[in-house]
C-alpha cells in the first residue's frame, strides 16, 4: 500500500452534486467548507458533472484509499454513491462509511435517522461519527441489469410518480404533490403476480413497495415495521386503492397508519419477484427510475456503514 493510499484512509472524500436543491450551491458550498474546517474534518472533494458520475467518483476514491465518503445532495446523489460502493470490487462494501449532508428536494433517507435538513447540524453528526451497518437491496430487471437501493424501491404508482417528477422538477417541493395528483388521475392499475417465500399473490395492484427505511415520496410512510439492519424487506402491497381512498386517508399516508387500510397488505421477506401481467409499469429505486416490467429484489444484510444521528 502506497503512502498516499494510507494517508487517505482516515480522511473523508466528498461527492457533491451542484445541481441538487433549489438554493445557491456555491454559497452553500462555502458554508459547508467553513463548517467542516471548524470541526477539523479532513476532506477532499469532487463535483458530479453528469448523471451517475457518482459511481465513477466512488470507484476512484476507493482506489485512492478513501474509506469514508460524504454525499452532498439529495436522495438521488446518495443512491448513486451507494451503487458505486456496491459495484466496486476493491474492498468489502461494509468497510466503507457514508455520511450525508442533505441539499436535495426529497431527502427521504435522512428522515429515518433524524438527520436534520440543516448544514450545521448535519456536519455536527458527521463529527460525532455514530455509525450503523445498514441493509442494501439489489434489484434485477428484465434486462438483467442490477441496481442497488438504500431506502425504498417499488413498481406501479410510485414508479409512475417518479417518471412524472422528472418533468416537474422545476416546481421544487410542490412537484411531489403535482406528480401524485397526476398519478391518481392517469395511472392505470395492473394485475401483478407477486412471489416470495412460499406465497404467490395475484392481484389488481396500485403498487408494490420494497422498504428498507421508513419514508418515500417526500415524507410518506408506506412501510410498517422498519428495521434497516434486520436482513428483511418490509413489503407493502397496495391493492385496489383508488383516488378517493388516497384523498380520504391523506393524513395516514404521512403518519404511517395507511398500512392498516383493508386494501393494503404488509409482509417481511428476504427476496421477492413481481411480474406485471397487463402492462410494464415503471420501477423506481430511491426515487430514481431504473426500468420497467418484471423485477426481483434481494436483501443484502448490513452491507454498508452509515453515519446516523
Protein backbone atom coordinates (compact mmCIF):
# COMPACT_ATOMS: atom_id res chain seq x y z
CA UNK A 1 0.00 0.00 0.00
CA UNK A 2 1.43 3.36 -1.02
CA UNK A 3 1.91 6.21 1.45
CA UNK A 4 -0.77 8.17 -0.49
CA UNK A 5 -3.36 5.41 -0.04
CA UNK A 6 -2.61 5.03 3.69
CA UNK A 7 -2.83 8.79 4.17
CA UNK A 8 -6.39 8.92 2.80
CA UNK A 9 -7.76 6.12 4.98
CA UNK A 10 -8.90 8.46 7.81
CA UNK A 11 -9.93 11.33 5.56
CA UNK A 12 -13.37 12.00 4.02
CA UNK A 13 -13.96 12.05 0.28
CA UNK A 14 -16.82 14.39 -0.60
CA UNK A 15 -19.00 13.78 -3.64
CA UNK A 16 -21.15 16.87 -4.19
CA UNK A 17 -23.96 17.37 -6.68
CA UNK A 18 -24.01 21.08 -7.59
CA UNK A 19 -27.45 20.78 -9.25
CA UNK A 20 -29.35 19.40 -6.22
CA UNK A 21 -31.62 21.63 -4.16
CA UNK A 22 -33.14 24.94 -5.14
CA UNK A 23 -30.71 27.29 -3.48
CA UNK A 24 -27.40 28.81 -4.49
CA UNK A 25 -24.92 25.91 -4.46
CA UNK A 26 -21.70 27.97 -4.44
CA UNK A 27 -22.91 29.87 -1.37
CA UNK A 28 -23.87 26.61 0.37
CA UNK A 29 -20.54 25.01 -0.57
CA UNK A 30 -18.61 27.91 1.01
CA UNK A 31 -20.60 27.42 4.22
CA UNK A 32 -20.03 23.63 4.18
CA UNK A 33 -16.25 24.06 3.73
CA UNK A 34 -16.13 26.51 6.64
CA UNK A 35 -18.15 24.21 8.94
CA UNK A 36 -16.01 21.16 8.07
CA UNK A 37 -12.81 23.15 8.68
CA UNK A 38 -14.16 24.43 12.03
CA UNK A 39 -14.76 20.79 13.09
CA UNK A 40 -11.25 19.83 11.88
CA UNK A 41 -12.74 17.27 9.45
CA UNK A 42 -10.10 16.44 6.83
CA UNK A 43 -11.57 16.13 3.31
CA UNK A 44 -11.05 16.05 -0.44
CA UNK A 45 -13.84 16.86 -2.88
CA UNK A 46 -15.17 16.06 -6.35
CA UNK A 47 -18.25 17.56 -8.03
CA UNK A 48 -20.57 15.49 -10.20
CA UNK A 49 -20.61 16.66 -13.83
CA UNK A 50 -23.14 14.29 -15.39
CA UNK A 51 -25.81 11.73 -14.46
CA UNK A 52 -24.47 8.79 -12.38
CA UNK A 53 -20.98 10.36 -12.26
CA UNK A 54 -21.01 9.44 -8.54
CA UNK A 55 -20.39 5.77 -9.43
CA UNK A 56 -17.11 6.61 -11.19
CA UNK A 57 -16.04 9.07 -8.46
CA UNK A 58 -16.64 6.49 -5.70
CA UNK A 59 -14.54 3.88 -7.53
CA UNK A 60 -11.63 6.32 -7.95
CA UNK A 61 -11.84 7.44 -4.30
CA UNK A 62 -11.75 3.84 -3.03
CA UNK A 63 -8.77 3.05 -5.29
CA UNK A 64 -7.02 6.07 -3.78
CA UNK A 65 -7.51 4.64 -0.28
CA UNK A 66 -10.57 6.57 0.92
CA UNK A 67 -12.96 4.57 3.11
CA UNK A 68 -15.20 7.45 4.26
CA UNK A 69 -17.48 9.20 1.78
CA UNK A 70 -19.75 12.22 2.26
CA UNK A 71 -22.69 12.55 -0.13
CA UNK A 72 -23.75 16.18 -0.63
CA UNK A 73 -27.08 16.37 -2.45
CA UNK A 74 -30.44 14.65 -2.34
CA UNK A 75 -31.67 11.05 -2.33
CA UNK A 76 -30.53 10.62 -5.94
CA UNK A 77 -26.92 11.56 -5.14
CA UNK A 78 -26.88 9.14 -2.19
CA UNK A 79 -28.45 6.39 -4.35
CA UNK A 80 -25.66 6.68 -6.94
CA UNK A 81 -22.94 6.81 -4.23
CA UNK A 82 -24.36 3.56 -2.77
CA UNK A 83 -24.39 1.99 -6.24
CA UNK A 84 -20.74 3.00 -6.70
CA UNK A 85 -19.83 1.25 -3.43
CA UNK A 86 -21.84 -1.90 -4.23
CA UNK A 87 -20.44 -2.19 -7.78
CA UNK A 88 -16.74 -1.80 -6.89
CA UNK A 89 -14.62 -4.88 -6.14
CA UNK A 90 -11.61 -3.36 -4.33
CA UNK A 91 -12.80 -3.64 -0.72
CA UNK A 92 -15.66 -5.18 1.24
CA UNK A 93 -18.67 -2.86 0.97
CA UNK A 94 -19.06 -2.90 4.78
CA UNK A 95 -15.57 -1.32 5.09
CA UNK A 96 -16.97 1.89 3.58
CA UNK A 97 -18.76 4.55 5.66
CA UNK A 98 -21.20 7.02 4.09
CA UNK A 99 -22.29 10.31 5.65
CA UNK A 100 -24.87 12.70 4.19
CA UNK A 101 -25.07 16.49 4.03
CA UNK A 102 -28.58 16.98 2.62
CA UNK A 103 -29.23 19.54 -0.13
CA UNK A 104 -31.83 17.96 -2.42
CA UNK A 105 -35.59 18.45 -2.69
CA UNK A 106 -36.61 14.98 -1.48
CA UNK A 107 -34.22 13.78 1.22
CA UNK A 108 -36.34 10.89 2.43
CA UNK A 109 -33.49 8.59 3.58
CA UNK A 110 -32.27 11.05 6.26
CA UNK A 111 -35.72 11.14 7.91
CA UNK A 112 -35.44 7.53 9.18
CA UNK A 113 -32.33 8.52 11.14
CA UNK A 114 -33.50 12.01 12.24
CA UNK A 115 -30.70 13.73 10.30
CA UNK A 116 -31.89 17.35 10.01
CA UNK A 117 -32.00 19.29 6.74
CA UNK A 118 -29.59 21.80 8.25
CA UNK A 119 -25.93 22.11 7.24
CA UNK A 120 -24.50 22.88 10.67
CA UNK A 121 -26.40 20.06 12.42
CA UNK A 122 -25.64 17.53 9.65
CA UNK A 123 -21.91 18.29 9.94
CA UNK A 124 -22.07 18.01 13.75
CA UNK A 125 -23.49 14.48 13.22
CA UNK A 126 -20.54 13.63 10.93
CA UNK A 127 -18.16 14.99 13.57
CA UNK A 128 -19.76 12.70 16.22
CA UNK A 129 -19.40 9.78 13.77
CA UNK A 130 -22.01 7.42 15.26
CA UNK A 131 -22.48 4.65 12.67
CA UNK A 132 -24.65 1.65 11.88
CA UNK A 133 -24.37 -1.12 9.31
CA UNK A 134 -27.46 -0.95 7.10
CA UNK A 135 -29.03 -3.43 4.67
CA UNK A 136 -28.97 -2.70 0.94
CA UNK A 137 -31.44 -4.00 -1.65
CA UNK A 138 -30.41 -5.43 -5.04
CA UNK A 139 -32.90 -5.20 -7.92
CA UNK A 140 -32.71 -7.24 -11.09
CA UNK A 141 -34.88 -6.18 -14.02
CA UNK A 142 -35.89 -7.93 -17.26
CA UNK A 143 -32.75 -6.60 -18.93
CA UNK A 144 -30.61 -8.43 -16.29
CA UNK A 145 -29.20 -5.13 -15.03
CA UNK A 146 -28.59 -4.92 -11.26
CA UNK A 147 -29.33 -1.72 -9.33
CA UNK A 148 -28.90 -1.22 -5.61
CA UNK A 149 -31.02 0.84 -3.22
CA UNK A 150 -30.71 2.06 0.36
CA UNK A 151 -34.20 3.38 1.11
CA UNK A 152 -37.39 2.25 -0.69
CA UNK A 153 -37.95 0.75 -4.14
CA UNK A 154 -41.08 -0.43 -5.92
CA UNK A 155 -43.15 -0.55 -9.06
CA UNK A 156 -46.52 0.74 -10.15
CA UNK A 157 -47.96 4.05 -8.97
CA UNK A 158 -44.71 5.10 -7.21
CA UNK A 159 -42.69 4.44 -10.39
CA UNK A 160 -45.20 6.48 -12.39
CA UNK A 161 -44.81 9.38 -9.93
CA UNK A 162 -41.01 9.29 -10.29
CA UNK A 163 -41.44 9.27 -14.09
CA UNK A 164 -43.74 12.35 -13.85
CA UNK A 165 -41.43 14.10 -11.36
CA UNK A 166 -38.67 14.26 -13.96
CA UNK A 167 -40.77 16.72 -15.96
CA UNK A 168 -41.96 18.65 -12.87
CA UNK A 169 -38.62 19.17 -11.04
CA UNK A 170 -38.67 22.91 -11.78
CA UNK A 171 -41.63 23.26 -9.36
CA UNK A 172 -39.44 22.21 -6.40
CA UNK A 173 -41.15 20.61 -3.38
CA UNK A 174 -44.66 21.11 -4.83
CA UNK A 175 -43.61 18.79 -7.70
CA UNK A 176 -44.32 15.77 -5.45
CA UNK A 177 -47.89 16.89 -4.94
CA UNK A 178 -48.41 17.62 -8.67
CA UNK A 179 -46.94 14.25 -9.66
CA UNK A 180 -49.08 12.47 -7.06
CA UNK A 181 -52.29 14.06 -8.32
CA UNK A 182 -51.36 13.34 -11.94
CA UNK A 183 -50.70 9.70 -10.98
CA UNK A 184 -54.07 9.32 -9.29
CA UNK A 185 -55.86 10.63 -12.36
CA UNK A 186 -53.87 8.97 -15.16
CA UNK A 187 -52.09 5.88 -13.76
CA UNK A 188 -53.76 2.63 -14.81
CA UNK A 189 -53.54 -0.21 -12.27
CA UNK A 190 -52.08 -3.52 -13.43
CA UNK A 191 -52.50 -7.16 -12.37
CA UNK A 192 -49.32 -8.23 -10.52
CA UNK A 193 -48.16 -11.76 -9.74
CA UNK A 194 -46.11 -11.40 -6.53
CA UNK A 195 -43.90 -14.32 -5.47
CA UNK A 196 -41.99 -14.59 -2.16
CA UNK A 197 -41.22 -17.35 0.35
CA UNK A 198 -43.97 -19.94 -0.22
CA UNK A 199 -46.59 -17.41 -1.35
CA UNK A 200 -47.92 -16.42 -4.76
CA UNK A 201 -50.34 -13.49 -4.78
CA UNK A 202 -52.13 -12.41 -7.94
CA UNK A 203 -53.96 -9.11 -7.54
CA UNK A 204 -55.01 -5.89 -9.21
CA UNK A 205 -52.34 -3.63 -7.75
CA UNK A 206 -51.72 0.10 -7.38
CA UNK A 207 -48.09 -0.55 -6.37
CA UNK A 208 -45.78 -2.97 -4.57
CA UNK A 209 -43.05 -1.45 -2.38
CA UNK A 210 -39.81 -2.97 -1.01
CA UNK A 211 -38.80 -0.99 2.08
CA UNK A 212 -35.51 -0.87 3.96
CA UNK A 213 -36.12 2.54 5.55
CA UNK A 214 -39.27 4.36 6.54
CA UNK A 215 -40.03 7.33 4.25
CA UNK A 216 -40.51 7.82 0.50
CA UNK A 217 -42.27 10.16 -1.92
CA UNK A 218 -41.41 13.31 0.03
CA UNK A 219 -42.18 12.10 3.56
CA UNK A 220 -44.89 9.46 3.05
CA UNK A 221 -44.75 6.29 5.18
CA UNK A 222 -45.87 3.19 3.32
CA UNK A 223 -43.79 0.66 5.28
CA UNK A 224 -44.80 -0.98 8.54
CA UNK A 225 -42.11 -2.48 10.83
CA UNK A 226 -38.88 -0.91 9.72
CA UNK A 227 -35.53 -2.15 10.98
CA UNK A 228 -32.89 -1.15 8.38
CA UNK A 229 -30.42 -3.80 9.60
CA UNK A 230 -32.59 -6.89 10.16
CA UNK A 231 -31.94 -8.55 6.80
CA UNK A 232 -35.59 -8.29 5.67
CA UNK A 233 -37.53 -6.09 3.29
CA UNK A 234 -40.77 -4.59 4.55
CA UNK A 235 -43.12 -5.33 1.67
CA UNK A 236 -46.24 -3.23 1.10
CA UNK A 237 -48.80 -4.40 -1.45
CA UNK A 238 -51.28 -1.60 -2.14
CA UNK A 239 -54.11 -3.38 -3.90
CA UNK A 240 -57.10 -1.70 -5.48
CA UNK A 241 -56.68 1.70 -3.80
CA UNK A 242 -58.42 4.49 -5.71
CA UNK A 243 -58.35 8.28 -5.82
CA UNK A 244 -60.99 8.56 -3.08
CA UNK A 245 -59.10 6.11 -0.78
CA UNK A 246 -55.89 8.14 -1.01
CA UNK A 247 -57.51 11.57 -0.63
CA UNK A 248 -59.64 10.39 2.33
CA UNK A 249 -56.55 8.88 4.00
CA UNK A 250 -54.04 11.60 3.12
CA UNK A 251 -53.05 12.15 6.78
CA UNK A 252 -52.41 8.40 7.17
CA UNK A 253 -50.03 8.48 4.17
CA UNK A 254 -47.74 10.72 6.24
CA UNK A 255 -48.17 9.25 9.75
CA UNK A 256 -47.76 5.61 8.62
CA UNK A 257 -51.28 4.44 9.50
CA UNK A 258 -52.11 3.82 5.83
CA UNK A 259 -50.60 0.32 6.25
CA UNK A 260 -53.67 -0.67 8.33
CA UNK A 261 -56.04 0.04 5.42
CA UNK A 262 -58.05 -3.04 4.36
CA UNK A 263 -56.73 -2.74 0.78
CA UNK A 264 -53.08 -2.88 1.95
CA UNK A 265 -51.11 -5.99 2.91
CA UNK A 266 -47.67 -5.99 4.53
CA UNK A 267 -45.06 -8.76 4.75
CA UNK A 268 -41.41 -9.38 5.64
CA UNK A 269 -39.14 -11.26 3.24
CA UNK A 270 -35.55 -11.50 2.00
CA UNK A 271 -36.41 -11.93 -1.68
CA UNK A 272 -39.41 -11.10 -3.86
CA UNK A 273 -40.32 -11.20 -7.55
CA UNK A 274 -43.11 -9.08 -9.07
CA UNK A 275 -44.40 -9.91 -12.55
CA UNK A 276 -46.87 -7.39 -14.02
CA UNK A 277 -49.42 -9.14 -16.24
CA UNK A 278 -51.21 -6.36 -18.10
CA UNK A 279 -48.62 -3.59 -18.56
CA UNK A 280 -44.95 -2.71 -18.00
CA UNK A 281 -45.05 -0.31 -15.03
CA UNK A 282 -42.09 1.86 -14.09
CA UNK A 283 -39.67 0.56 -11.43
CA UNK A 284 -38.13 3.11 -9.06
CA UNK A 285 -35.32 2.81 -6.53
CA UNK A 286 -34.78 5.65 -4.01
CA UNK A 287 -36.74 7.92 -6.34
CA UNK A 288 -34.66 7.05 -9.43
CA UNK A 289 -36.19 5.29 -12.44
CA UNK A 290 -34.34 2.05 -13.17
CA UNK A 291 -36.54 0.19 -15.67
CA UNK A 292 -39.99 -1.21 -16.45
CA UNK A 293 -41.81 -4.52 -16.08
CA UNK A 294 -40.73 -7.55 -14.05
CA UNK A 295 -38.36 -7.12 -11.10
CA UNK A 296 -36.68 -9.32 -8.46
CA UNK A 297 -35.45 -7.76 -5.20
CA UNK A 298 -32.95 -9.40 -2.82
CA UNK A 299 -31.72 -8.05 0.51
CA UNK A 300 -28.00 -7.83 1.38
CA UNK A 301 -27.78 -7.63 5.17
CA UNK A 302 -25.56 -5.00 6.84
CA UNK A 303 -23.86 -4.16 3.55
CA UNK A 304 -22.71 -0.56 4.09
CA UNK A 305 -21.92 1.59 7.13
CA UNK A 306 -23.78 4.90 7.50
CA UNK A 307 -23.28 7.85 9.86
CA UNK A 308 -26.58 8.43 11.71
CA UNK A 309 -27.95 10.72 14.42
